[in-house]
Amino acid sequence: MFSFDFAVFLAVFIPLFTIMDPLAVVPLFFERTALKSKGRTLSLALEATLVATALLLIFAFLQEHIFTFFHISTQSFQIAGGLLLLYLAFEMFTGNMSSTRTADRDDPGAVPFGTPLLAGPGALTAAIVFSANPAIGLPYTALAILACAVITFAVLMSSTLIFRLIGKNGIKIITRIFGLLIAAIGVEFIRMGLMTWLTGIVL
C-alpha cells in the first residue's frame, strides 16, 4: 500500500520545478500574449502546460523500456543527465541561453513553450532518473510532475502581473539562482550514478 511521504515528494518536486523554471518563460509568454485576449492566453497556457506534463509523464512511465531499448544502465543515465544539467546550469547562470530556449512568436503554445522551454532535455532527464530511483519511484515522480504542472499553469496565467512586479532584471536574477541550484542537482546526479556504479549500492 502506498504511504505518502511529504519529504520524498519535496525531494522530487523542488528539483523538477527548478529545472522546468517557468519563471524564465514569463518574459517570452508575456510578449506573446500581451495583446491577446484572456481566452487566447488561457488556451496557450493550457496547451503549453498539458504538452509539458504529458511528455514528462510519458518519459517517467517508460524509463525502464528506454533503458532496455538503448541498452543503457540507470547509472550511465544519471551521470549523463548530471552532465546535461551542468551544461544547462552554465547557460542559465551566464545568461547565454541556447536557441532551444528561445521562441518564434508564430509558434503555438505546444512548441516552444510546452517543449523545449518547460519540458526540455533537463526536465525529461530528471523525470526518468527520479522514476528509476527505487527510493523515489514512479508514484512520487508523477505526483511531483502534476504539482509542477498546476504551479506552471498559474505562473503562465499570471505572467503579466509577474513581469510587471519583478521586471526582466528580476527574472534574470531568479534564473541565475535557479542555475546554481540546477548545477548542484547535476552534481548530485553524477555522484549517485558514480557511487551506484562503483559500489553496487543504490543511494
N, C-alpha and C. Protein backbone atom coordinates (compact mmCIF):
# COMPACT_ATOMS: atom_id res chain seq x y z
N MET A 1 0.84 -1.21 0.00
CA MET A 1 0.00 0.00 0.00
C MET A 1 0.88 1.26 0.00
N PHE A 2 0.49 2.21 -0.84
CA PHE A 2 1.27 3.43 -0.98
C PHE A 2 1.06 4.34 0.22
N SER A 3 2.14 4.70 0.90
CA SER A 3 2.10 5.61 2.04
C SER A 3 2.83 6.89 1.67
N PHE A 4 2.09 7.99 1.66
CA PHE A 4 2.66 9.25 1.19
C PHE A 4 3.68 9.80 2.17
N ASP A 5 4.86 10.14 1.66
CA ASP A 5 5.93 10.74 2.45
C ASP A 5 6.21 12.12 1.85
N PHE A 6 5.86 13.16 2.58
CA PHE A 6 5.99 14.52 2.06
C PHE A 6 7.44 14.89 1.78
N ALA A 7 8.37 14.38 2.58
CA ALA A 7 9.79 14.68 2.38
C ALA A 7 10.28 14.12 1.05
N VAL A 8 9.84 12.90 0.71
CA VAL A 8 10.23 12.30 -0.57
C VAL A 8 9.62 13.09 -1.73
N PHE A 9 8.35 13.49 -1.55
CA PHE A 9 7.69 14.30 -2.58
C PHE A 9 8.46 15.58 -2.85
N LEU A 10 8.86 16.27 -1.78
CA LEU A 10 9.62 17.52 -1.95
C LEU A 10 10.97 17.27 -2.60
N ALA A 11 11.57 16.11 -2.33
CA ALA A 11 12.87 15.78 -2.90
C ALA A 11 12.80 15.64 -4.42
N VAL A 12 11.60 15.39 -4.93
CA VAL A 12 11.40 15.32 -6.38
C VAL A 12 10.85 16.64 -6.91
N PHE A 13 9.87 17.19 -6.21
CA PHE A 13 9.19 18.39 -6.69
C PHE A 13 10.12 19.58 -6.83
N ILE A 14 10.92 19.85 -5.81
CA ILE A 14 11.77 21.04 -5.82
C ILE A 14 12.79 21.01 -6.98
N PRO A 15 13.55 19.92 -7.15
CA PRO A 15 14.49 19.90 -8.28
C PRO A 15 13.78 19.98 -9.63
N LEU A 16 12.66 19.26 -9.77
CA LEU A 16 11.95 19.25 -11.05
C LEU A 16 11.40 20.63 -11.39
N PHE A 17 10.81 21.30 -10.42
CA PHE A 17 10.28 22.65 -10.66
C PHE A 17 11.40 23.63 -10.98
N THR A 18 12.54 23.46 -10.30
CA THR A 18 13.69 24.32 -10.56
C THR A 18 14.20 24.14 -11.98
N ILE A 19 14.25 22.90 -12.44
CA ILE A 19 14.74 22.61 -13.79
C ILE A 19 13.76 23.12 -14.84
N MET A 20 12.46 22.92 -14.61
CA MET A 20 11.46 23.43 -15.56
C MET A 20 11.51 24.95 -15.63
N ASP A 21 11.69 25.60 -14.48
CA ASP A 21 11.87 27.05 -14.38
C ASP A 21 10.84 27.84 -15.18
N PRO A 22 9.57 27.76 -14.83
CA PRO A 22 8.55 28.50 -15.59
C PRO A 22 8.73 30.02 -15.53
N LEU A 23 9.40 30.52 -14.47
CA LEU A 23 9.62 31.97 -14.39
C LEU A 23 10.49 32.47 -15.54
N ALA A 24 11.41 31.61 -16.01
CA ALA A 24 12.27 32.01 -17.13
C ALA A 24 11.47 32.14 -18.42
N VAL A 25 10.30 31.50 -18.47
CA VAL A 25 9.45 31.54 -19.66
C VAL A 25 8.54 32.78 -19.65
N VAL A 26 8.39 33.40 -18.47
CA VAL A 26 7.45 34.52 -18.32
C VAL A 26 7.68 35.65 -19.33
N PRO A 27 8.93 36.14 -19.53
CA PRO A 27 9.10 37.24 -20.49
C PRO A 27 8.63 36.90 -21.89
N LEU A 28 8.95 35.69 -22.37
CA LEU A 28 8.53 35.27 -23.70
C LEU A 28 7.02 35.09 -23.77
N PHE A 29 6.45 34.50 -22.74
CA PHE A 29 5.00 34.29 -22.72
C PHE A 29 4.26 35.62 -22.62
N PHE A 30 4.80 36.54 -21.82
CA PHE A 30 4.20 37.87 -21.70
C PHE A 30 4.23 38.60 -23.04
N GLU A 31 5.37 38.52 -23.73
CA GLU A 31 5.49 39.17 -25.04
C GLU A 31 4.51 38.58 -26.04
N ARG A 32 4.33 37.27 -25.97
CA ARG A 32 3.46 36.56 -26.90
C ARG A 32 1.98 36.87 -26.68
N THR A 33 1.61 37.08 -25.40
CA THR A 33 0.18 37.20 -25.07
C THR A 33 -0.26 38.60 -24.64
N ALA A 34 0.66 39.56 -24.62
CA ALA A 34 0.35 40.89 -24.10
C ALA A 34 -0.84 41.53 -24.81
N LEU A 35 -0.95 41.33 -26.11
CA LEU A 35 -2.01 41.96 -26.88
C LEU A 35 -3.14 40.99 -27.23
N LYS A 36 -3.13 39.82 -26.62
CA LYS A 36 -4.14 38.82 -26.93
C LYS A 36 -5.23 38.80 -25.86
N SER A 37 -6.36 38.20 -26.20
CA SER A 37 -7.48 38.13 -25.27
C SER A 37 -7.18 37.16 -24.13
N LYS A 38 -7.96 37.25 -23.06
CA LYS A 38 -7.78 36.33 -21.93
C LYS A 38 -8.03 34.89 -22.36
N GLY A 39 -8.98 34.72 -23.29
CA GLY A 39 -9.27 33.38 -23.78
C GLY A 39 -8.09 32.77 -24.50
N ARG A 40 -7.42 33.58 -25.33
CA ARG A 40 -6.26 33.08 -26.08
C ARG A 40 -5.09 32.81 -25.13
N THR A 41 -4.92 33.68 -24.14
CA THR A 41 -3.87 33.47 -23.14
C THR A 41 -4.10 32.17 -22.38
N LEU A 42 -5.35 31.95 -21.99
CA LEU A 42 -5.71 30.71 -21.30
C LEU A 42 -5.42 29.50 -22.18
N SER A 43 -5.76 29.60 -23.46
CA SER A 43 -5.55 28.49 -24.39
C SER A 43 -4.07 28.16 -24.54
N LEU A 44 -3.22 29.18 -24.68
CA LEU A 44 -1.78 28.97 -24.83
C LEU A 44 -1.16 28.39 -23.56
N ALA A 45 -1.57 28.93 -22.40
CA ALA A 45 -1.04 28.45 -21.13
C ALA A 45 -1.44 27.00 -20.90
N LEU A 46 -2.69 26.67 -21.19
CA LEU A 46 -3.17 25.30 -21.01
C LEU A 46 -2.48 24.34 -21.97
N GLU A 47 -2.32 24.75 -23.22
CA GLU A 47 -1.66 23.91 -24.21
C GLU A 47 -0.21 23.63 -23.82
N ALA A 48 0.51 24.69 -23.43
CA ALA A 48 1.91 24.53 -23.04
C ALA A 48 2.04 23.61 -21.83
N THR A 49 1.18 23.81 -20.83
CA THR A 49 1.24 23.01 -19.61
C THR A 49 0.91 21.55 -19.88
N LEU A 50 -0.13 21.29 -20.67
CA LEU A 50 -0.54 19.92 -20.96
C LEU A 50 0.52 19.18 -21.75
N VAL A 51 1.14 19.85 -22.72
CA VAL A 51 2.19 19.20 -23.52
C VAL A 51 3.38 18.85 -22.65
N ALA A 52 3.82 19.81 -21.83
CA ALA A 52 4.96 19.56 -20.95
C ALA A 52 4.67 18.43 -19.97
N THR A 53 3.47 18.44 -19.39
CA THR A 53 3.09 17.41 -18.43
C THR A 53 3.03 16.04 -19.08
N ALA A 54 2.42 15.97 -20.26
CA ALA A 54 2.31 14.69 -20.97
C ALA A 54 3.68 14.11 -21.29
N LEU A 55 4.59 14.94 -21.77
CA LEU A 55 5.94 14.47 -22.11
C LEU A 55 6.67 13.96 -20.87
N LEU A 56 6.59 14.70 -19.78
CA LEU A 56 7.27 14.29 -18.55
C LEU A 56 6.70 12.98 -18.01
N LEU A 57 5.39 12.83 -18.04
CA LEU A 57 4.76 11.60 -17.56
C LEU A 57 5.12 10.42 -18.45
N ILE A 58 5.14 10.63 -19.75
CA ILE A 58 5.50 9.56 -20.69
C ILE A 58 6.92 9.07 -20.43
N PHE A 59 7.85 10.00 -20.28
CA PHE A 59 9.24 9.63 -20.04
C PHE A 59 9.39 8.95 -18.68
N ALA A 60 8.64 9.42 -17.69
CA ALA A 60 8.71 8.80 -16.36
C ALA A 60 8.17 7.37 -16.40
N PHE A 61 7.06 7.16 -17.11
CA PHE A 61 6.45 5.83 -17.19
C PHE A 61 7.29 4.86 -18.02
N LEU A 62 7.96 5.38 -19.04
CA LEU A 62 8.68 4.50 -19.97
C LEU A 62 10.15 4.33 -19.63
N GLN A 63 10.59 4.78 -18.47
CA GLN A 63 12.03 4.79 -18.17
C GLN A 63 12.67 3.41 -18.32
N GLU A 64 12.03 2.35 -17.83
CA GLU A 64 12.62 1.02 -17.93
C GLU A 64 12.74 0.59 -19.38
N HIS A 65 11.72 0.87 -20.18
CA HIS A 65 11.75 0.50 -21.59
C HIS A 65 12.81 1.28 -22.35
N ILE A 66 12.99 2.55 -21.97
CA ILE A 66 14.03 3.37 -22.61
C ILE A 66 15.40 2.78 -22.32
N PHE A 67 15.64 2.40 -21.07
CA PHE A 67 16.92 1.81 -20.71
C PHE A 67 17.15 0.50 -21.45
N THR A 68 16.11 -0.33 -21.54
CA THR A 68 16.24 -1.62 -22.21
C THR A 68 16.47 -1.46 -23.71
N PHE A 69 15.70 -0.56 -24.32
CA PHE A 69 15.80 -0.38 -25.77
C PHE A 69 17.18 0.11 -26.19
N PHE A 70 17.74 1.04 -25.41
CA PHE A 70 19.04 1.61 -25.76
C PHE A 70 20.21 0.89 -25.08
N HIS A 71 19.90 -0.16 -24.30
CA HIS A 71 20.94 -0.95 -23.63
C HIS A 71 21.85 -0.07 -22.77
N ILE A 72 21.22 0.76 -21.94
CA ILE A 72 21.98 1.61 -21.04
C ILE A 72 21.54 1.35 -19.60
N SER A 73 22.41 1.63 -18.67
CA SER A 73 22.09 1.42 -17.26
C SER A 73 21.58 2.71 -16.63
N THR A 74 20.90 2.56 -15.49
CA THR A 74 20.43 3.72 -14.76
C THR A 74 21.59 4.62 -14.36
N GLN A 75 22.71 3.99 -13.96
CA GLN A 75 23.88 4.75 -13.53
C GLN A 75 24.44 5.61 -14.66
N SER A 76 24.52 5.03 -15.85
CA SER A 76 25.03 5.79 -17.01
C SER A 76 24.12 6.97 -17.31
N PHE A 77 22.80 6.74 -17.20
CA PHE A 77 21.86 7.81 -17.49
C PHE A 77 21.94 8.90 -16.43
N GLN A 78 22.14 8.52 -15.18
CA GLN A 78 22.28 9.51 -14.12
C GLN A 78 23.50 10.40 -14.36
N ILE A 79 24.61 9.78 -14.73
CA ILE A 79 25.84 10.54 -14.97
C ILE A 79 25.67 11.46 -16.18
N ALA A 80 25.11 10.92 -17.27
CA ALA A 80 24.88 11.72 -18.47
C ALA A 80 23.90 12.85 -18.18
N GLY A 81 22.84 12.53 -17.41
CA GLY A 81 21.86 13.56 -17.05
C GLY A 81 22.47 14.65 -16.19
N GLY A 82 23.36 14.26 -15.27
CA GLY A 82 24.05 15.24 -14.44
C GLY A 82 24.90 16.19 -15.25
N LEU A 83 25.60 15.64 -16.23
CA LEU A 83 26.43 16.49 -17.11
C LEU A 83 25.55 17.44 -17.92
N LEU A 84 24.41 16.93 -18.39
CA LEU A 84 23.48 17.77 -19.15
C LEU A 84 22.95 18.91 -18.29
N LEU A 85 22.62 18.61 -17.02
CA LEU A 85 22.13 19.65 -16.11
C LEU A 85 23.21 20.68 -15.81
N LEU A 86 24.46 20.25 -15.72
CA LEU A 86 25.55 21.19 -15.51
C LEU A 86 25.67 22.16 -16.70
N TYR A 87 25.49 21.62 -17.90
CA TYR A 87 25.53 22.48 -19.09
C TYR A 87 24.37 23.47 -19.09
N LEU A 88 23.16 22.98 -18.74
CA LEU A 88 22.00 23.86 -18.66
C LEU A 88 22.20 24.92 -17.59
N ALA A 89 22.76 24.52 -16.45
CA ALA A 89 23.01 25.47 -15.35
C ALA A 89 23.99 26.55 -15.78
N PHE A 90 25.03 26.16 -16.53
CA PHE A 90 26.00 27.14 -17.02
C PHE A 90 25.34 28.17 -17.92
N GLU A 91 24.46 27.70 -18.80
CA GLU A 91 23.75 28.62 -19.69
C GLU A 91 22.86 29.59 -18.90
N MET A 92 22.16 29.04 -17.91
CA MET A 92 21.27 29.88 -17.11
C MET A 92 22.05 30.88 -16.27
N PHE A 93 23.16 30.44 -15.70
CA PHE A 93 23.92 31.30 -14.81
C PHE A 93 24.62 32.42 -15.56
N THR A 94 25.06 32.13 -16.78
CA THR A 94 25.76 33.14 -17.57
C THR A 94 24.81 33.99 -18.41
N GLY A 95 23.54 33.54 -18.50
CA GLY A 95 22.58 34.27 -19.32
C GLY A 95 22.74 34.01 -20.79
N ASN A 96 23.52 32.98 -21.14
CA ASN A 96 23.77 32.65 -22.55
C ASN A 96 22.90 31.48 -22.94
N MET A 97 21.56 31.70 -22.97
CA MET A 97 20.63 30.62 -23.26
C MET A 97 20.70 30.26 -24.73
N SER A 98 20.66 28.96 -25.00
CA SER A 98 20.77 28.47 -26.37
C SER A 98 19.46 28.67 -27.12
N SER A 99 19.49 28.36 -28.41
CA SER A 99 18.32 28.55 -29.25
C SER A 99 17.17 27.64 -28.85
N THR A 100 17.44 26.57 -28.08
CA THR A 100 16.37 25.68 -27.67
C THR A 100 15.47 26.33 -26.63
N ARG A 101 15.89 27.48 -26.09
CA ARG A 101 15.06 28.14 -25.08
C ARG A 101 14.59 29.52 -25.56
N THR A 102 14.59 29.69 -26.89
CA THR A 102 14.04 30.91 -27.47
C THR A 102 12.77 30.55 -28.23
N ALA A 103 12.02 31.55 -28.58
CA ALA A 103 10.72 31.26 -29.19
C ALA A 103 10.47 32.05 -30.45
N ASP A 104 9.76 31.43 -31.38
CA ASP A 104 9.24 32.08 -32.56
C ASP A 104 7.82 32.52 -32.22
N ARG A 105 7.52 33.79 -32.37
CA ARG A 105 6.22 34.29 -31.92
C ARG A 105 5.06 33.70 -32.72
N ASP A 106 5.33 33.07 -33.86
CA ASP A 106 4.26 32.48 -34.64
C ASP A 106 3.97 31.03 -34.26
N ASP A 107 4.76 30.46 -33.37
CA ASP A 107 4.56 29.07 -32.96
C ASP A 107 3.41 28.97 -31.97
N PRO A 108 2.72 27.82 -31.93
CA PRO A 108 1.66 27.61 -30.94
C PRO A 108 2.22 27.37 -29.56
N GLY A 109 1.33 27.21 -28.56
CA GLY A 109 1.78 27.03 -27.19
C GLY A 109 2.55 25.75 -26.97
N ALA A 110 2.25 24.70 -27.74
CA ALA A 110 2.92 23.41 -27.56
C ALA A 110 4.41 23.53 -27.80
N VAL A 111 4.77 24.24 -28.86
CA VAL A 111 6.18 24.48 -29.21
C VAL A 111 6.34 25.96 -29.46
N PRO A 112 7.22 26.64 -28.78
CA PRO A 112 8.28 26.11 -27.92
C PRO A 112 7.97 26.11 -26.42
N PHE A 113 6.79 26.62 -26.01
CA PHE A 113 6.56 26.75 -24.57
C PHE A 113 6.45 25.40 -23.87
N GLY A 114 5.60 24.51 -24.41
CA GLY A 114 5.47 23.19 -23.80
C GLY A 114 6.78 22.42 -23.84
N THR A 115 7.38 22.41 -25.00
CA THR A 115 8.70 21.83 -25.20
C THR A 115 9.39 22.61 -26.31
N PRO A 116 10.65 23.00 -26.16
CA PRO A 116 11.59 22.58 -25.11
C PRO A 116 11.72 23.53 -23.92
N LEU A 117 10.92 24.60 -23.85
CA LEU A 117 11.12 25.56 -22.76
C LEU A 117 10.77 24.97 -21.39
N LEU A 118 9.64 24.29 -21.28
CA LEU A 118 9.26 23.71 -19.99
C LEU A 118 9.74 22.26 -19.86
N ALA A 119 9.36 21.44 -20.79
CA ALA A 119 9.80 20.04 -20.78
C ALA A 119 10.98 19.88 -21.73
N GLY A 120 12.11 20.41 -21.31
CA GLY A 120 13.33 20.31 -22.10
C GLY A 120 14.12 19.07 -21.74
N PRO A 121 15.30 18.91 -22.32
CA PRO A 121 16.13 17.73 -22.04
C PRO A 121 16.42 17.54 -20.55
N GLY A 122 16.66 18.65 -19.83
CA GLY A 122 16.97 18.55 -18.41
C GLY A 122 15.80 18.01 -17.61
N ALA A 123 14.59 18.53 -17.85
CA ALA A 123 13.40 18.09 -17.13
C ALA A 123 13.05 16.65 -17.47
N LEU A 124 13.18 16.28 -18.74
CA LEU A 124 12.88 14.91 -19.15
C LEU A 124 13.87 13.93 -18.52
N THR A 125 15.13 14.34 -18.46
CA THR A 125 16.15 13.51 -17.81
C THR A 125 15.83 13.32 -16.34
N ALA A 126 15.45 14.41 -15.67
CA ALA A 126 15.13 14.34 -14.25
C ALA A 126 13.95 13.41 -14.00
N ALA A 127 12.92 13.47 -14.87
CA ALA A 127 11.75 12.61 -14.73
C ALA A 127 12.14 11.14 -14.80
N ILE A 128 13.04 10.81 -15.73
CA ILE A 128 13.48 9.43 -15.88
C ILE A 128 14.31 8.99 -14.68
N VAL A 129 15.26 9.84 -14.27
CA VAL A 129 16.15 9.48 -13.16
C VAL A 129 15.37 9.29 -11.87
N PHE A 130 14.45 10.20 -11.57
CA PHE A 130 13.68 10.10 -10.34
C PHE A 130 12.77 8.87 -10.34
N SER A 131 12.11 8.60 -11.45
CA SER A 131 11.20 7.45 -11.50
C SER A 131 11.96 6.14 -11.44
N ALA A 132 13.21 6.13 -11.91
CA ALA A 132 14.03 4.92 -11.90
C ALA A 132 14.69 4.69 -10.54
N ASN A 133 14.69 5.69 -9.68
CA ASN A 133 15.31 5.58 -8.37
C ASN A 133 14.38 4.81 -7.42
N PRO A 134 14.81 3.65 -6.91
CA PRO A 134 13.94 2.85 -6.03
C PRO A 134 13.50 3.60 -4.77
N ALA A 135 14.31 4.56 -4.32
CA ALA A 135 13.96 5.31 -3.12
C ALA A 135 12.85 6.33 -3.39
N ILE A 136 12.57 6.60 -4.67
CA ILE A 136 11.55 7.58 -5.04
C ILE A 136 10.42 6.91 -5.81
N GLY A 137 10.74 6.40 -6.98
CA GLY A 137 9.77 5.65 -7.75
C GLY A 137 8.82 6.49 -8.57
N LEU A 138 7.98 5.79 -9.33
CA LEU A 138 7.06 6.45 -10.25
C LEU A 138 5.95 7.24 -9.56
N PRO A 139 5.32 6.73 -8.48
CA PRO A 139 4.21 7.49 -7.86
C PRO A 139 4.60 8.90 -7.42
N TYR A 140 5.73 9.02 -6.72
CA TYR A 140 6.18 10.35 -6.26
C TYR A 140 6.57 11.23 -7.45
N THR A 141 7.20 10.61 -8.45
CA THR A 141 7.60 11.38 -9.63
C THR A 141 6.37 11.92 -10.36
N ALA A 142 5.36 11.08 -10.53
CA ALA A 142 4.13 11.50 -11.21
C ALA A 142 3.42 12.60 -10.42
N LEU A 143 3.35 12.45 -9.10
CA LEU A 143 2.71 13.48 -8.26
C LEU A 143 3.46 14.81 -8.36
N ALA A 144 4.79 14.74 -8.37
CA ALA A 144 5.60 15.95 -8.48
C ALA A 144 5.39 16.62 -9.82
N ILE A 145 5.28 15.83 -10.89
CA ILE A 145 5.05 16.37 -12.23
C ILE A 145 3.70 17.09 -12.27
N LEU A 146 2.68 16.48 -11.69
CA LEU A 146 1.34 17.10 -11.68
C LEU A 146 1.34 18.38 -10.85
N ALA A 147 2.05 18.38 -9.73
CA ALA A 147 2.15 19.59 -8.90
C ALA A 147 2.86 20.70 -9.66
N CYS A 148 3.93 20.35 -10.34
CA CYS A 148 4.66 21.33 -11.16
C CYS A 148 3.76 21.89 -12.26
N ALA A 149 2.92 21.02 -12.82
CA ALA A 149 2.02 21.45 -13.89
C ALA A 149 1.03 22.50 -13.38
N VAL A 150 0.47 22.27 -12.20
CA VAL A 150 -0.51 23.21 -11.64
C VAL A 150 0.14 24.57 -11.40
N ILE A 151 1.33 24.57 -10.80
CA ILE A 151 2.01 25.83 -10.50
C ILE A 151 2.48 26.52 -11.78
N THR A 152 2.95 25.72 -12.73
CA THR A 152 3.40 26.29 -14.00
C THR A 152 2.25 26.98 -14.72
N PHE A 153 1.09 26.34 -14.74
CA PHE A 153 -0.09 26.95 -15.36
C PHE A 153 -0.44 28.27 -14.68
N ALA A 154 -0.38 28.28 -13.35
CA ALA A 154 -0.68 29.51 -12.59
C ALA A 154 0.33 30.61 -12.91
N VAL A 155 1.60 30.23 -13.04
CA VAL A 155 2.65 31.21 -13.36
C VAL A 155 2.42 31.80 -14.75
N LEU A 156 2.11 30.95 -15.73
CA LEU A 156 1.88 31.44 -17.09
C LEU A 156 0.66 32.35 -17.14
N MET A 157 -0.39 31.98 -16.44
CA MET A 157 -1.59 32.81 -16.43
C MET A 157 -1.36 34.14 -15.71
N SER A 158 -0.36 34.17 -14.83
CA SER A 158 -0.04 35.40 -14.09
C SER A 158 1.18 36.11 -14.68
N SER A 159 1.56 35.76 -15.91
CA SER A 159 2.80 36.28 -16.49
C SER A 159 2.81 37.80 -16.57
N THR A 160 1.67 38.40 -16.89
CA THR A 160 1.61 39.87 -16.98
C THR A 160 1.89 40.49 -15.62
N LEU A 161 1.24 39.98 -14.59
CA LEU A 161 1.43 40.51 -13.23
C LEU A 161 2.87 40.29 -12.76
N ILE A 162 3.40 39.07 -12.97
CA ILE A 162 4.76 38.75 -12.54
C ILE A 162 5.78 39.64 -13.25
N PHE A 163 5.60 39.81 -14.56
CA PHE A 163 6.56 40.61 -15.33
C PHE A 163 6.54 42.06 -14.88
N ARG A 164 5.37 42.58 -14.56
CA ARG A 164 5.27 43.98 -14.13
C ARG A 164 5.79 44.17 -12.71
N LEU A 165 5.66 43.14 -11.87
CA LEU A 165 6.11 43.24 -10.48
C LEU A 165 7.63 43.15 -10.35
N ILE A 166 8.23 42.15 -10.98
CA ILE A 166 9.67 41.94 -10.78
C ILE A 166 10.51 42.34 -11.98
N GLY A 167 9.88 42.53 -13.14
CA GLY A 167 10.60 43.01 -14.31
C GLY A 167 11.55 41.98 -14.91
N LYS A 168 12.13 42.36 -16.02
CA LYS A 168 13.04 41.45 -16.73
C LYS A 168 14.30 41.18 -15.92
N ASN A 169 14.82 42.20 -15.26
CA ASN A 169 16.04 42.01 -14.46
C ASN A 169 15.78 41.08 -13.28
N GLY A 170 14.61 41.21 -12.65
CA GLY A 170 14.27 40.33 -11.54
C GLY A 170 14.20 38.88 -11.98
N ILE A 171 13.63 38.65 -13.15
CA ILE A 171 13.55 37.30 -13.69
C ILE A 171 14.94 36.76 -14.01
N LYS A 172 15.82 37.62 -14.51
CA LYS A 172 17.19 37.19 -14.79
C LYS A 172 17.90 36.77 -13.51
N ILE A 173 17.69 37.52 -12.44
CA ILE A 173 18.33 37.18 -11.16
C ILE A 173 17.83 35.83 -10.66
N ILE A 174 16.50 35.62 -10.72
CA ILE A 174 15.93 34.35 -10.28
C ILE A 174 16.43 33.20 -11.13
N THR A 175 16.55 33.43 -12.44
CA THR A 175 17.05 32.39 -13.34
C THR A 175 18.47 32.00 -13.00
N ARG A 176 19.30 32.98 -12.63
CA ARG A 176 20.69 32.67 -12.27
C ARG A 176 20.76 31.89 -10.96
N ILE A 177 19.88 32.24 -10.02
CA ILE A 177 19.83 31.48 -8.77
C ILE A 177 19.41 30.04 -9.05
N PHE A 178 18.40 29.88 -9.91
CA PHE A 178 17.96 28.54 -10.29
C PHE A 178 19.09 27.79 -11.00
N GLY A 179 19.89 28.52 -11.78
CA GLY A 179 21.01 27.89 -12.46
C GLY A 179 22.00 27.29 -11.48
N LEU A 180 22.25 28.00 -10.39
CA LEU A 180 23.16 27.48 -9.37
C LEU A 180 22.58 26.24 -8.71
N LEU A 181 21.27 26.26 -8.43
CA LEU A 181 20.62 25.10 -7.83
C LEU A 181 20.65 23.90 -8.78
N ILE A 182 20.43 24.15 -10.07
CA ILE A 182 20.46 23.07 -11.05
C ILE A 182 21.85 22.47 -11.16
N ALA A 183 22.88 23.30 -11.02
CA ALA A 183 24.26 22.79 -11.03
C ALA A 183 24.46 21.81 -9.88
N ALA A 184 23.93 22.16 -8.70
CA ALA A 184 24.05 21.28 -7.54
C ALA A 184 23.28 19.97 -7.77
N ILE A 185 22.11 20.07 -8.41
CA ILE A 185 21.34 18.86 -8.72
C ILE A 185 22.11 17.98 -9.70
N GLY A 186 22.74 18.62 -10.70
CA GLY A 186 23.54 17.88 -11.67
C GLY A 186 24.69 17.14 -11.00
N VAL A 187 25.38 17.80 -10.09
CA VAL A 187 26.48 17.17 -9.36
C VAL A 187 25.95 15.99 -8.54
N GLU A 188 24.78 16.15 -7.93
CA GLU A 188 24.19 15.07 -7.14
C GLU A 188 23.83 13.87 -8.02
N PHE A 189 23.31 14.12 -9.22
CA PHE A 189 23.01 13.03 -10.15
C PHE A 189 24.29 12.26 -10.49
N ILE A 190 25.36 13.02 -10.77
CA ILE A 190 26.63 12.39 -11.11
C ILE A 190 27.16 11.58 -9.93
N ARG A 191 27.06 12.14 -8.73
CA ARG A 191 27.54 11.45 -7.53
C ARG A 191 26.79 10.14 -7.31
N MET A 192 25.44 10.20 -7.43
CA MET A 192 24.65 8.99 -7.24
C MET A 192 24.99 7.94 -8.28
N GLY A 193 25.14 8.37 -9.54
CA GLY A 193 25.48 7.43 -10.60
C GLY A 193 26.83 6.77 -10.37
N LEU A 194 27.83 7.56 -10.00
CA LEU A 194 29.17 7.02 -9.78
C LEU A 194 29.21 6.09 -8.58
N MET A 195 28.56 6.49 -7.49
CA MET A 195 28.57 5.67 -6.28
C MET A 195 27.85 4.34 -6.51
N THR A 196 26.73 4.39 -7.21
CA THR A 196 25.98 3.16 -7.51
C THR A 196 26.79 2.25 -8.43
N TRP A 197 27.44 2.85 -9.41
CA TRP A 197 28.24 2.09 -10.38
C TRP A 197 29.45 1.45 -9.71
N LEU A 198 30.11 2.22 -8.80
CA LEU A 198 31.33 1.72 -8.19
C LEU A 198 31.07 0.74 -7.05
N THR A 199 30.00 0.92 -6.33
CA THR A 199 29.76 0.08 -5.15
C THR A 199 28.61 -0.91 -5.31
N GLY A 200 27.74 -0.65 -6.31
CA GLY A 200 26.59 -1.52 -6.48
C GLY A 200 25.50 -1.25 -5.48
N ILE A 201 25.62 -0.13 -4.75
CA ILE A 201 24.62 0.24 -3.75
C ILE A 201 23.76 1.37 -4.29
N VAL A 202 22.46 1.22 -4.23
CA VAL A 202 21.56 2.27 -4.69
C VAL A 202 21.43 3.32 -3.61
N LEU A 203 21.83 4.58 -3.95
CA LEU A 203 21.79 5.67 -2.96
C LEU A 203 20.59 6.55 -3.22
